[in-house]
Amino acid sequence: MIEARADVTLPVPPAEAFAAATDLSTADWLPAVRGLRHVGGPTTGVGARYEVEVGLIGRHLRGVLVCRESEPPTRAVYALEDGMELTVVMVIVPVGNDCRMELTARYVVGGGPLGGAVERATAGAARHEVARAVETFAARFGRKSPLAR
């Protein structure tokens, strides 16, 4: 399993950051996501279902991204329903009048030696993609990630 993580401090309260992060109608900032379309359930919260196109490992994969956990304004977990194992976790914590959002993406390519080799080969790109995602999200609020400085 590959786990890529990045965080950013945002100049907004946790509730505002959580609402923006979990509004998948404007989630073009999510790592590796190339397209999203609501296909069922509520538009936000547990059970929200979005058809997703993901650019990963040099391929475009399609699947259904489902909200598995939602604890406003602190935590949300999304996972691909079928196919490749991919989980995206957002954690938001208060920092004074601001907040910090940590984004984690975990994925498994497949079993066997080839799957492990592909995972190891893509780990650096995955970390870069998650760092880019938090920088893009932070730009919505006028603040850059410390990684971008």
C-alpha atoms as a PDB file:
ATOM      1  CA  MET A   1       0.000   0.000   0.000  1.00  0.00           C
ATOM      2  CA  ILE A   2       1.213   3.482  -0.834  1.00  0.00           C
ATOM      3  CA  GLU A   3       0.273   6.369   1.431  1.00  0.00           C
ATOM      4  CA  ALA A   4       0.859   9.953   0.352  1.00  0.00           C
ATOM      5  CA  ARG A   5       0.162  12.787   2.777  1.00  0.00           C
ATOM      6  CA  ALA A   6       0.382  16.590   2.742  1.00  0.00           C
ATOM      7  CA  ASP A   7      -1.060  19.376   4.878  1.00  0.00           C
ATOM      8  CA  VAL A   8      -1.741  23.074   4.645  1.00  0.00           C
ATOM      9  CA  THR A   9      -2.825  25.855   6.994  1.00  0.00           C
ATOM     10  CA  LEU A  10      -5.869  27.740   5.740  1.00  0.00           C
ATOM     11  CA  PRO A  11      -6.964  31.252   6.787  1.00  0.00           C
ATOM     12  CA  VAL A  12     -10.563  30.144   7.449  1.00  0.00           C
ATOM     13  CA  PRO A  13     -12.436  28.377  10.258  1.00  0.00           C
ATOM     14  CA  PRO A  14     -12.654  24.570  10.116  1.00  0.00           C
ATOM     15  CA  ALA A  15     -16.336  24.561   9.094  1.00  0.00           C
ATOM     16  CA  GLU A  16     -15.612  26.689   6.007  1.00  0.00           C
ATOM     17  CA  ALA A  17     -12.642  24.550   4.990  1.00  0.00           C
ATOM     18  CA  PHE A  18     -14.630  21.330   5.538  1.00  0.00           C
ATOM     19  CA  ALA A  19     -17.557  22.590   3.458  1.00  0.00           C
ATOM     20  CA  ALA A  20     -15.244  23.540   0.586  1.00  0.00           C
ATOM     21  CA  ALA A  21     -13.222  20.320   0.782  1.00  0.00           C
ATOM     22  CA  THR A  22     -16.278  18.062   0.772  1.00  0.00           C
ATOM     23  CA  ASP A  23     -18.138  19.933  -1.986  1.00  0.00           C
ATOM     24  CA  LEU A  24     -17.232  17.478  -4.717  1.00  0.00           C
ATOM     25  CA  SER A  25     -18.983  19.558  -7.366  1.00  0.00           C
ATOM     26  CA  THR A  26     -15.853  21.759  -7.214  1.00  0.00           C
ATOM     27  CA  ALA A  27     -13.284  19.091  -6.317  1.00  0.00           C
ATOM     28  CA  ASP A  28     -11.017  19.532  -9.305  1.00  0.00           C
ATOM     29  CA  TRP A  29      -8.231  20.078  -6.753  1.00  0.00           C
ATOM     30  CA  LEU A  30      -8.322  16.479  -5.433  1.00  0.00           C
ATOM     31  CA  PRO A  31      -5.209  14.410  -6.188  1.00  0.00           C
ATOM     32  CA  ALA A  32      -5.220  12.704  -9.594  1.00  0.00           C
ATOM     33  CA  VAL A  33      -8.926  13.510 -10.168  1.00  0.00           C
ATOM     34  CA  ARG A  34      -9.613  14.485 -13.774  1.00  0.00           C
ATOM     35  CA  GLY A  35     -13.420  14.543 -13.600  1.00  0.00           C
ATOM     36  CA  LEU A  36     -16.332  14.066 -11.193  1.00  0.00           C
ATOM     37  CA  ARG A  37     -20.085  13.668 -11.709  1.00  0.00           C
ATOM     38  CA  HIS A  38     -22.727  13.100  -9.010  1.00  0.00           C
ATOM     39  CA  VAL A  39     -24.450   9.753  -9.639  1.00  0.00           C
ATOM     40  CA  GLY A  40     -26.457   9.061  -6.492  1.00  0.00           C
ATOM     41  CA  GLY A  41     -27.165   9.609  -2.840  1.00  0.00           C
ATOM     42  CA  PRO A  42     -26.875  13.011  -1.202  1.00  0.00           C
ATOM     43  CA  THR A  43     -24.532  15.568  -2.776  1.00  0.00           C
ATOM     44  CA  THR A  44     -22.444  15.661   0.414  1.00  0.00           C
ATOM     45  CA  GLY A  45     -21.993  13.427   3.429  1.00  0.00           C
ATOM     46  CA  VAL A  46     -22.087   9.679   3.902  1.00  0.00           C
ATOM     47  CA  GLY A  47     -23.465   7.932   0.850  1.00  0.00           C
ATOM     48  CA  ALA A  48     -22.641  10.679  -1.663  1.00  0.00           C
ATOM     49  CA  ARG A  49     -21.633   8.920  -4.866  1.00  0.00           C
ATOM     50  CA  TYR A  50     -19.601  10.449  -7.669  1.00  0.00           C
ATOM     51  CA  GLU A  51     -18.423   8.893 -10.897  1.00  0.00           C
ATOM     52  CA  VAL A  52     -14.746   9.761 -11.001  1.00  0.00           C
ATOM     53  CA  GLU A  53     -12.026   9.707 -13.612  1.00  0.00           C
ATOM     54  CA  VAL A  54      -8.575   9.398 -12.061  1.00  0.00           C
ATOM     55  CA  GLY A  55      -5.245   9.833 -13.811  1.00  0.00           C
ATOM     56  CA  LEU A  56      -2.955   7.440 -11.970  1.00  0.00           C
ATOM     57  CA  ILE A  57       0.000   5.277 -12.877  1.00  0.00           C
ATOM     58  CA  GLY A  58      -0.012   6.655 -16.408  1.00  0.00           C
ATOM     59  CA  ARG A  59      -3.596   5.496 -16.979  1.00  0.00           C
ATOM     60  CA  HIS A  60      -7.060   6.970 -16.733  1.00  0.00           C
ATOM     61  CA  LEU A  61      -9.208   4.915 -14.412  1.00  0.00           C
ATOM     62  CA  ARG A  62     -12.948   5.278 -13.892  1.00  0.00           C
ATOM     63  CA  GLY A  63     -14.919   4.300 -10.851  1.00  0.00           C
ATOM     64  CA  VAL A  64     -17.408   5.449  -8.264  1.00  0.00           C
ATOM     65  CA  LEU A  65     -16.050   7.497  -5.367  1.00  0.00           C
ATOM     66  CA  VAL A  66     -18.244   7.113  -2.274  1.00  0.00           C
ATOM     67  CA  CYS A  67     -18.215   9.108   0.950  1.00  0.00           C
ATOM     68  CA  ARG A  68     -17.743   6.457   3.669  1.00  0.00           C
ATOM     69  CA  GLU A  69     -17.331   8.763   6.686  1.00  0.00           C
ATOM     70  CA  SER A  70     -18.285  12.368   7.348  1.00  0.00           C
ATOM     71  CA  GLU A  71     -17.745  14.061  10.695  1.00  0.00           C
ATOM     72  CA  PRO A  72     -18.200  17.800  10.048  1.00  0.00           C
ATOM     73  CA  PRO A  73     -16.093  19.858  10.427  1.00  0.00           C
ATOM     74  CA  THR A  74     -13.170  17.547  11.180  1.00  0.00           C
ATOM     75  CA  ARG A  75     -13.010  14.429   9.006  1.00  0.00           C
ATOM     76  CA  ALA A  76     -14.239  12.887   5.757  1.00  0.00           C
ATOM     77  CA  VAL A  77     -13.259   9.621   4.066  1.00  0.00           C
ATOM     78  CA  TYR A  78     -13.884   8.772   0.414  1.00  0.00           C
ATOM     79  CA  ALA A  79     -13.151   5.448  -1.270  1.00  0.00           C
ATOM     80  CA  LEU A  80     -13.465   3.943  -4.720  1.00  0.00           C
ATOM     81  CA  GLU A  81     -16.327   1.475  -4.668  1.00  0.00           C
ATOM     82  CA  ASP A  82     -15.016  -1.027  -7.210  1.00  0.00           C
ATOM     83  CA  GLY A  83     -11.737  -1.743  -8.915  1.00  0.00           C
ATOM     84  CA  MET A  84      -8.487  -0.363  -7.582  1.00  0.00           C
ATOM     85  CA  GLU A  85      -8.307   0.199  -3.834  1.00  0.00           C
ATOM     86  CA  LEU A  86      -8.094   3.982  -3.317  1.00  0.00           C
ATOM     87  CA  THR A  87      -8.994   5.933  -0.177  1.00  0.00           C
ATOM     88  CA  VAL A  88      -8.825   9.700   0.348  1.00  0.00           C
ATOM     89  CA  VAL A  89      -8.943  11.016   3.930  1.00  0.00           C
ATOM     90  CA  MET A  90      -9.384  14.690   4.864  1.00  0.00           C
ATOM     91  CA  VAL A  91      -8.721  15.770   8.440  1.00  0.00           C
ATOM     92  CA  ILE A  92      -9.258  19.390   9.538  1.00  0.00           C
ATOM     93  CA  VAL A  93      -8.140  20.749  12.910  1.00  0.00           C
ATOM     94  CA  PRO A  94      -8.463  24.259  14.358  1.00  0.00           C
ATOM     95  CA  VAL A  95      -5.308  26.371  14.642  1.00  0.00           C
ATOM     96  CA  GLY A  96      -6.260  29.614  16.399  1.00  0.00           C
ATOM     97  CA  ASN A  97      -8.713  31.393  14.079  1.00  0.00           C
ATOM     98  CA  ASP A  98      -7.467  29.322  11.131  1.00  0.00           C
ATOM     99  CA  CYS A  99      -7.307  25.580  10.500  1.00  0.00           C
ATOM    100  CA  ARG A 100      -4.967  22.935   9.171  1.00  0.00           C
ATOM    101  CA  MET A 101      -6.131  20.400   6.610  1.00  0.00           C
ATOM    102  CA  GLU A 102      -4.276  17.133   6.164  1.00  0.00           C
ATOM    103  CA  LEU A 103      -4.972  15.167   3.013  1.00  0.00           C
ATOM    104  CA  THR A 104      -3.987  11.500   2.776  1.00  0.00           C
ATOM    105  CA  ALA A 105      -4.348   9.269  -0.272  1.00  0.00           C
ATOM    106  CA  ARG A 106      -3.821   5.512   0.080  1.00  0.00           C
ATOM    107  CA  TYR A 107      -3.863   3.076  -2.777  1.00  0.00           C
ATOM    108  CA  VAL A 108      -3.049  -0.511  -3.632  1.00  0.00           C
ATOM    109  CA  VAL A 109      -2.247  -1.413  -7.226  1.00  0.00           C
ATOM    110  CA  GLY A 110      -2.645  -5.160  -6.876  1.00  0.00           C
ATOM    111  CA  GLY A 111      -1.082  -8.262  -5.485  1.00  0.00           C
ATOM    112  CA  GLY A 112       2.115 -10.037  -6.358  1.00  0.00           C
ATOM    113  CA  PRO A 113       5.575  -8.773  -7.150  1.00  0.00           C
ATOM    114  CA  LEU A 114       4.420  -6.700 -10.136  1.00  0.00           C
ATOM    115  CA  GLY A 115       1.846  -4.808  -8.045  1.00  0.00           C
ATOM    116  CA  GLY A 116       4.437  -4.046  -5.377  1.00  0.00           C
ATOM    117  CA  ALA A 117       6.924  -2.865  -7.997  1.00  0.00           C
ATOM    118  CA  VAL A 118       4.340  -0.557  -9.584  1.00  0.00           C
ATOM    119  CA  GLU A 119       3.428   0.841  -6.161  1.00  0.00           C
ATOM    120  CA  ARG A 120       7.067   1.580  -5.337  1.00  0.00           C
ATOM    121  CA  ALA A 121       7.618   3.149  -8.752  1.00  0.00           C
ATOM    122  CA  THR A 122       4.621   5.464  -8.351  1.00  0.00           C
ATOM    123  CA  ALA A 123       5.145   6.513  -4.712  1.00  0.00           C
ATOM    124  CA  GLY A 124       7.071   9.697  -5.547  1.00  0.00           C
ATOM    125  CA  ALA A 125       4.516  10.813  -8.118  1.00  0.00           C
ATOM    126  CA  ALA A 126       1.691  10.123  -5.647  1.00  0.00           C
ATOM    127  CA  ARG A 127       3.346  12.260  -2.973  1.00  0.00           C
ATOM    128  CA  HIS A 128       3.846  15.065  -5.486  1.00  0.00           C
ATOM    129  CA  GLU A 129       0.205  14.837  -6.591  1.00  0.00           C
ATOM    130  CA  VAL A 130      -1.104  15.076  -2.994  1.00  0.00           C
ATOM    131  CA  ALA A 131       1.185  18.060  -2.278  1.00  0.00           C
ATOM    132  CA  ARG A 132      -0.076  19.737  -5.473  1.00  0.00           C
ATOM    133  CA  ALA A 133      -3.660  19.079  -4.398  1.00  0.00           C
ATOM    134  CA  VAL A 134      -3.328  20.850  -1.038  1.00  0.00           C
ATOM    135  CA  GLU A 135      -1.509  23.769  -2.706  1.00  0.00           C
ATOM    136  CA  THR A 136      -4.330  24.102  -5.241  1.00  0.00           C
ATOM    137  CA  PHE A 137      -6.956  23.908  -2.494  1.00  0.00           C
ATOM    138  CA  ALA A 138      -5.111  26.492  -0.364  1.00  0.00           C
ATOM    139  CA  ALA A 139      -4.960  28.893  -3.306  1.00  0.00           C
ATOM    140  CA  ARG A 140      -8.760  29.132  -3.134  1.00  0.00           C
ATOM    141  CA  PHE A 141      -8.322  30.845   0.216  1.00  0.00           C
ATOM    142  CA  GLY A 142      -5.317  32.966  -0.707  1.00  0.00           C
ATOM    143  CA  ARG A 143      -2.728  30.953   1.212  1.00  0.00           C
ATOM    144  CA  LYS A 144      -0.071  28.630  -0.158  1.00  0.00           C
ATOM    145  CA  SER A 145       1.135  25.396   1.404  1.00  0.00           C
ATOM    146  CA  PRO A 146       4.519  25.584   3.160  1.00  0.00           C
ATOM    147  CA  LEU A 147       5.691  23.121   0.482  1.00  0.00           C
ATOM    148  CA  ALA A 148       5.129  25.760  -2.186  1.00  0.00           C
ATOM    149  CA  ARG A 149       7.376  28.366  -0.532  1.00  0.00           C
END
